[in-house]
Amino acid sequence: MKIHILQISALWDFFCFNVPRTTAEQCRGAFCILCMAAKSSSGILGSHLQDIIDIGFGRWAKVDPLLARTACTALQRLSEDDKKKLLASNGSRVFGILESLITGSWLPENIWYSAADKAIGAIYTLHPAPEIVAARLVKKSQSSVFDCDESNNLQSGEGSGIAHAPTTVQVGKLSRYLFVISHVAMHQLVYIESCVRKVQKQRAKKEKLGSEANSDVGSHPGNDAPKVSLGSVKLHLEKVTFINCFLVNCQNAKLYLFVYFFGNTFLQCNMCSSAYYRILE
């Protein structure tokens, strides 16, 4: 999709309310076109990063709540350079806004689900360690359904073997809670698979360098020194580091296991786990 530079400028004027009598719906319409154009040219959004945050998540988002959903889509379509700029300048603010969008109640019920879906996707696209934010989201969503006293009673009941009566919860809050944990779990699985692919590529590259180094050492006559592959040593250290990181992240992984009872996620979890074991062999 190619748009002339004058048309892009006109769309930004509508989005920034530089055109008189611009409505919130017209603002969102122009923003949607810019987001579609960003699929082929992600640099289009980079010139108005601050406006995307201030308008997309500001007071106009309360006038037209769909504007917040479109802003989440725009964050996912930023170029890599623009993502770095955004994280350096407004990273904490953006993630705070996304968390409040997911765990807050300022969006209407019929819009919250689609907006929360985009917000979770934006977190996994932008954050360098999205599992930390995702774990916090799950905890906040859980606390909105079950208060602290009930959670403590459940924990004490597990330790003492005493069964407590089922807790009565609001259907709307429970629905949002299940929505959050299911989408977090699916995004986490995709994120883990991408991490596995990255590590596999790094291993293949280091193994190639190690084999080349061994061939160079073996080609020199009279060299009877023991041949130790530097690449194999690095791979061993990488394996130990990878295992340690995996064990630490297991604490956060407990938060995602609950969702596997709601669909076919068991199968995907087993596939992901087998990928981890294959890479650590």
Protein backbone atom coordinates (compact mmCIF):
# COMPACT_ATOMS: atom_id res chain seq x y z
CA MET A 1 0.00 0.00 0.00
CA LYS A 2 1.68 3.21 -1.17
CA ILE A 3 0.45 6.63 -0.10
CA HIS A 4 1.82 9.94 -1.32
CA ILE A 5 3.70 12.02 1.21
CA LEU A 6 1.09 14.79 0.99
CA GLN A 7 -1.64 12.31 1.82
CA ILE A 8 0.35 11.04 4.78
CA SER A 9 0.78 14.59 6.01
CA ALA A 10 -2.97 15.20 5.67
CA LEU A 11 -3.73 12.04 7.63
CA TRP A 12 -1.43 13.13 10.43
CA ASP A 13 -3.18 16.50 10.48
CA PHE A 14 -6.51 14.76 11.05
CA PHE A 15 -5.01 12.47 13.70
CA CYS A 16 -3.40 15.37 15.58
CA PHE A 17 -6.61 17.47 15.35
CA ASN A 18 -4.84 20.15 13.32
CA VAL A 19 -7.85 20.29 10.97
CA PRO A 20 -10.73 22.34 12.42
CA ARG A 21 -13.84 20.47 13.58
CA THR A 22 -12.12 17.11 13.48
CA THR A 23 -14.04 14.47 15.41
CA ALA A 24 -12.64 11.56 17.39
CA GLU A 25 -14.01 9.13 14.78
CA GLN A 26 -12.21 11.00 11.98
CA CYS A 27 -9.05 10.97 14.05
CA ARG A 28 -9.29 7.20 14.50
CA GLY A 29 -10.09 6.70 10.81
CA ALA A 30 -6.95 8.57 9.76
CA PHE A 31 -4.95 6.64 12.33
CA CYS A 32 -6.22 3.30 10.99
CA ILE A 33 -5.11 4.22 7.46
CA LEU A 34 -1.67 5.19 8.77
CA CYS A 35 -1.42 1.86 10.57
CA MET A 36 -2.31 0.00 7.38
CA ALA A 37 0.31 1.99 5.46
CA ALA A 38 2.86 1.12 8.16
CA LYS A 39 2.67 -2.54 7.10
CA SER A 40 4.70 -1.71 4.00
CA SER A 41 6.60 1.26 5.43
CA SER A 42 7.01 1.13 9.20
CA GLY A 43 8.90 4.43 9.23
CA ILE A 44 5.63 6.31 8.68
CA LEU A 45 4.77 6.10 12.39
CA GLY A 46 8.19 7.11 13.68
CA SER A 47 7.70 10.85 13.18
CA HIS A 48 4.75 11.04 15.62
CA LEU A 49 5.65 8.68 18.45
CA GLN A 50 4.69 11.18 21.13
CA ASP A 51 1.38 11.97 19.43
CA ILE A 52 0.55 8.27 19.24
CA ILE A 53 0.94 7.99 23.01
CA ASP A 54 -0.68 11.29 23.98
CA ILE A 55 -3.67 11.04 21.63
CA GLY A 56 -4.02 7.29 21.30
CA PHE A 57 -4.07 6.72 25.06
CA GLY A 58 -5.10 10.19 26.26
CA ARG A 59 -8.41 11.89 26.83
CA TRP A 60 -9.54 11.28 23.25
CA ALA A 61 -9.38 7.55 23.90
CA LYS A 62 -12.18 8.03 26.44
CA VAL A 63 -14.25 9.78 23.79
CA ASP A 64 -13.58 7.03 21.24
CA PRO A 65 -12.29 3.93 23.10
CA LEU A 66 -11.41 2.20 19.82
CA LEU A 67 -8.61 4.75 19.49
CA ALA A 68 -6.68 2.95 22.24
CA ARG A 69 -6.94 -0.35 20.38
CA THR A 70 -5.62 1.29 17.21
CA ALA A 71 -2.74 2.82 19.18
CA CYS A 72 -1.77 -0.67 20.41
CA THR A 73 -1.74 -1.85 16.80
CA ALA A 74 0.50 1.08 15.86
CA LEU A 75 2.99 0.18 18.59
CA GLN A 76 3.34 -3.31 17.14
CA ARG A 77 4.07 -1.94 13.66
CA LEU A 78 6.89 0.39 14.61
CA SER A 79 10.27 -0.13 12.99
CA GLU A 80 13.11 -1.54 15.09
CA ASP A 81 14.76 1.88 15.37
CA ASP A 82 11.49 3.52 16.42
CA LYS A 83 10.94 0.80 19.03
CA LYS A 84 14.33 1.56 20.54
CA LYS A 85 13.56 5.29 20.57
CA LEU A 86 10.21 4.66 22.22
CA LEU A 87 11.72 2.42 24.92
CA ALA A 88 14.46 4.95 25.62
CA SER A 89 12.15 7.95 25.92
CA ASN A 90 8.77 6.63 27.13
CA GLY A 91 9.25 2.94 27.84
CA SER A 92 8.03 2.87 31.43
CA ARG A 93 5.11 5.16 30.64
CA VAL A 94 3.98 3.07 27.67
CA PHE A 95 4.05 -0.20 29.61
CA GLY A 96 2.22 1.44 32.50
CA ILE A 97 -0.50 2.57 30.08
CA LEU A 98 -0.76 -0.88 28.53
CA GLU A 99 -1.05 -2.51 31.96
CA SER A 100 -3.76 -0.08 33.03
CA LEU A 101 -5.63 -0.75 29.80
CA ILE A 102 -5.63 -4.49 30.51
CA THR A 103 -6.23 -4.46 34.26
CA GLY A 104 -8.27 -1.26 34.46
CA SER A 105 -11.96 -0.68 33.90
CA TRP A 106 -12.04 2.53 31.86
CA LEU A 107 -12.79 0.75 28.58
CA PRO A 108 -16.32 -0.46 27.76
CA GLU A 109 -16.94 -4.19 28.01
CA ASN A 110 -17.56 -4.63 24.27
CA ILE A 111 -14.25 -2.97 23.38
CA TRP A 112 -12.01 -4.18 26.21
CA TYR A 113 -11.44 -7.68 24.81
CA SER A 114 -10.11 -6.58 21.42
CA ALA A 115 -8.09 -3.76 23.01
CA ALA A 116 -6.59 -6.08 25.64
CA ASP A 117 -5.62 -8.54 22.92
CA LYS A 118 -3.73 -5.79 21.07
CA ALA A 119 -2.19 -4.48 24.29
CA ILE A 120 -0.80 -7.91 25.24
CA GLY A 121 0.59 -8.25 21.74
CA ALA A 122 2.24 -4.83 22.04
CA ILE A 123 3.88 -5.82 25.32
CA TYR A 124 5.37 -8.96 23.78
CA THR A 125 6.51 -6.96 20.75
CA LEU A 126 8.18 -4.09 22.63
CA HIS A 127 9.35 -5.32 26.03
CA PRO A 128 12.81 -6.93 26.26
CA ALA A 129 11.54 -9.31 28.96
CA PRO A 130 7.77 -9.57 28.40
CA GLU A 131 7.33 -12.49 30.80
CA ILE A 132 7.93 -10.11 33.74
CA VAL A 133 5.11 -7.77 32.71
CA ALA A 134 2.90 -10.72 31.77
CA ALA A 135 3.34 -12.30 35.21
CA ARG A 136 2.34 -9.01 36.81
CA LEU A 137 -0.74 -8.81 34.59
CA VAL A 138 -1.85 -12.30 35.57
CA LYS A 139 -1.40 -11.53 39.27
CA LYS A 140 -3.38 -8.29 39.01
CA SER A 141 -6.13 -10.00 37.05
CA GLN A 142 -6.29 -12.76 39.64
CA SER A 143 -6.47 -10.29 42.52
CA SER A 144 -9.38 -8.52 40.80
CA VAL A 145 -11.34 -11.79 40.84
CA PHE A 146 -10.20 -13.21 44.21
CA ASP A 147 -9.40 -10.78 46.99
CA CYS A 148 -6.33 -11.19 49.21
CA ASP A 149 -8.18 -12.85 52.09
CA GLU A 150 -9.65 -15.50 49.81
CA SER A 151 -6.27 -16.16 48.21
CA ASN A 152 -4.67 -16.60 51.64
CA ASN A 153 -7.43 -18.98 52.65
CA LEU A 154 -6.86 -21.04 49.53
CA GLN A 155 -3.12 -21.24 50.23
CA SER A 156 -3.63 -22.15 53.87
CA GLY A 157 -6.18 -24.77 52.87
CA GLU A 158 -3.70 -26.39 50.50
CA GLY A 159 -1.12 -26.67 53.26
CA SER A 160 -3.47 -27.97 55.94
CA GLY A 161 -5.57 -30.22 53.73
CA ILE A 162 -8.78 -28.37 54.69
CA ALA A 163 -11.21 -27.90 51.81
CA HIS A 164 -12.90 -24.50 51.59
CA ALA A 165 -16.22 -23.72 50.01
CA PRO A 166 -16.18 -22.49 46.41
CA THR A 167 -15.71 -18.73 46.12
CA THR A 168 -18.42 -16.67 44.45
CA VAL A 169 -16.99 -14.38 41.78
CA GLN A 170 -18.37 -11.93 39.27
CA VAL A 171 -18.83 -13.39 35.81
CA GLY A 172 -17.41 -10.32 34.05
CA LYS A 173 -14.21 -10.28 36.11
CA LEU A 174 -13.75 -14.03 35.76
CA SER A 175 -14.21 -13.75 31.99
CA ARG A 176 -11.55 -11.05 31.79
CA TYR A 177 -9.20 -13.09 33.98
CA LEU A 178 -9.51 -16.16 31.76
CA PHE A 179 -9.09 -13.99 28.68
CA VAL A 180 -5.86 -12.48 30.04
CA ILE A 181 -4.24 -15.75 31.10
CA SER A 182 -5.17 -17.49 27.85
CA HIS A 183 -3.74 -14.75 25.64
CA VAL A 184 -0.66 -14.38 27.82
CA ALA A 185 -0.06 -18.12 27.61
CA MET A 186 -0.36 -18.18 23.82
CA HIS A 187 1.95 -15.18 23.40
CA GLN A 188 4.39 -16.73 25.87
CA LEU A 189 4.52 -19.94 23.85
CA VAL A 190 5.27 -17.99 20.67
CA TYR A 191 7.90 -15.98 22.54
CA ILE A 192 9.58 -19.14 23.87
CA GLU A 193 9.65 -20.68 20.41
CA SER A 194 11.30 -17.55 19.01
CA CYS A 195 13.91 -17.70 21.79
CA VAL A 196 14.59 -21.36 20.98
CA ARG A 197 15.12 -20.52 17.31
CA LYS A 198 17.54 -17.74 18.22
CA VAL A 199 19.57 -20.01 20.47
CA GLN A 200 19.62 -22.72 17.80
CA LYS A 201 20.96 -20.24 15.26
CA GLN A 202 23.63 -19.08 17.70
CA ARG A 203 24.64 -22.67 18.42
CA ALA A 204 24.90 -23.51 14.73
CA LYS A 205 27.02 -20.43 14.11
CA LYS A 206 29.37 -21.19 17.01
CA GLU A 207 29.68 -24.84 16.03
CA LYS A 208 30.65 -23.76 12.52
CA LEU A 209 33.29 -21.38 13.88
CA GLY A 210 34.59 -24.11 16.21
CA SER A 211 34.91 -26.64 13.39
CA GLU A 212 36.76 -24.10 11.25
CA ALA A 213 39.15 -23.37 14.13
CA ASN A 214 39.84 -27.10 14.60
CA SER A 215 40.56 -27.56 10.91
CA ASP A 216 43.00 -24.63 10.97
CA VAL A 217 44.88 -26.07 13.97
CA GLY A 218 45.04 -29.56 12.43
CA SER A 219 46.46 -28.23 9.18
CA HIS A 220 49.71 -27.06 10.86
CA PRO A 221 52.30 -29.92 10.97
CA GLY A 222 54.27 -30.59 14.15
CA ASN A 223 51.58 -29.24 16.40
CA ASP A 224 51.04 -32.01 18.95
CA ALA A 225 49.23 -29.87 21.50
CA PRO A 226 45.84 -31.19 22.60
CA LYS A 227 43.06 -29.87 20.43
CA VAL A 228 40.39 -28.12 22.43
CA SER A 229 37.52 -26.52 20.57
CA LEU A 230 36.90 -23.01 21.80
CA GLY A 231 33.45 -23.23 20.30
CA SER A 232 32.60 -26.32 22.39
CA VAL A 233 33.70 -24.53 25.58
CA LYS A 234 31.50 -21.54 24.75
CA LEU A 235 28.59 -23.83 23.96
CA HIS A 236 29.00 -25.55 27.31
CA LEU A 237 28.95 -22.24 29.15
CA GLU A 238 25.96 -21.16 27.10
CA LYS A 239 24.15 -24.38 28.01
CA VAL A 240 24.74 -23.83 31.74
CA THR A 241 23.57 -20.21 31.49
CA PHE A 242 20.50 -21.23 29.50
CA ILE A 243 19.54 -23.87 32.08
CA ASN A 244 19.92 -21.37 34.94
CA CYS A 245 17.74 -18.81 33.18
CA PHE A 246 15.15 -21.48 32.43
CA LEU A 247 14.99 -22.56 36.09
CA VAL A 248 14.57 -18.96 37.23
CA ASN A 249 11.75 -18.38 34.74
CA CYS A 250 9.98 -21.50 35.98
CA GLN A 251 8.63 -19.37 38.84
CA ASN A 252 6.80 -17.22 36.30
CA ALA A 253 5.85 -20.28 34.26
CA LYS A 254 3.59 -21.45 37.10
CA LEU A 255 1.30 -18.54 36.32
CA TYR A 256 0.71 -19.80 32.80
CA LEU A 257 0.04 -23.44 33.56
CA PHE A 258 -3.54 -22.78 34.64
CA VAL A 259 -4.60 -21.81 31.15
CA TYR A 260 -3.58 -25.15 29.69
CA PHE A 261 -6.78 -26.63 31.09
CA PHE A 262 -8.81 -24.42 28.72
CA GLY A 263 -8.30 -25.89 25.27
CA ASN A 264 -5.59 -27.63 23.35
CA THR A 265 -2.70 -25.73 24.91
CA PHE A 266 -1.43 -28.93 26.53
CA LEU A 267 -0.26 -30.12 23.12
CA GLN A 268 1.54 -26.88 22.35
CA CYS A 269 3.14 -26.86 25.79
CA ASN A 270 4.50 -30.38 25.26
CA MET A 271 5.88 -29.41 21.87
CA CYS A 272 7.56 -26.37 23.38
CA SER A 273 9.00 -28.40 26.26
CA SER A 274 10.40 -31.01 23.87
CA ALA A 275 12.08 -28.21 21.94
CA TYR A 276 13.78 -27.05 25.12
CA TYR A 277 15.02 -30.55 25.94
CA ARG A 278 16.33 -31.02 22.40
CA ILE A 279 18.29 -27.80 22.58
CA LEU A 280 19.79 -28.72 25.96
CA GLU A 281 20.87 -32.23 24.93
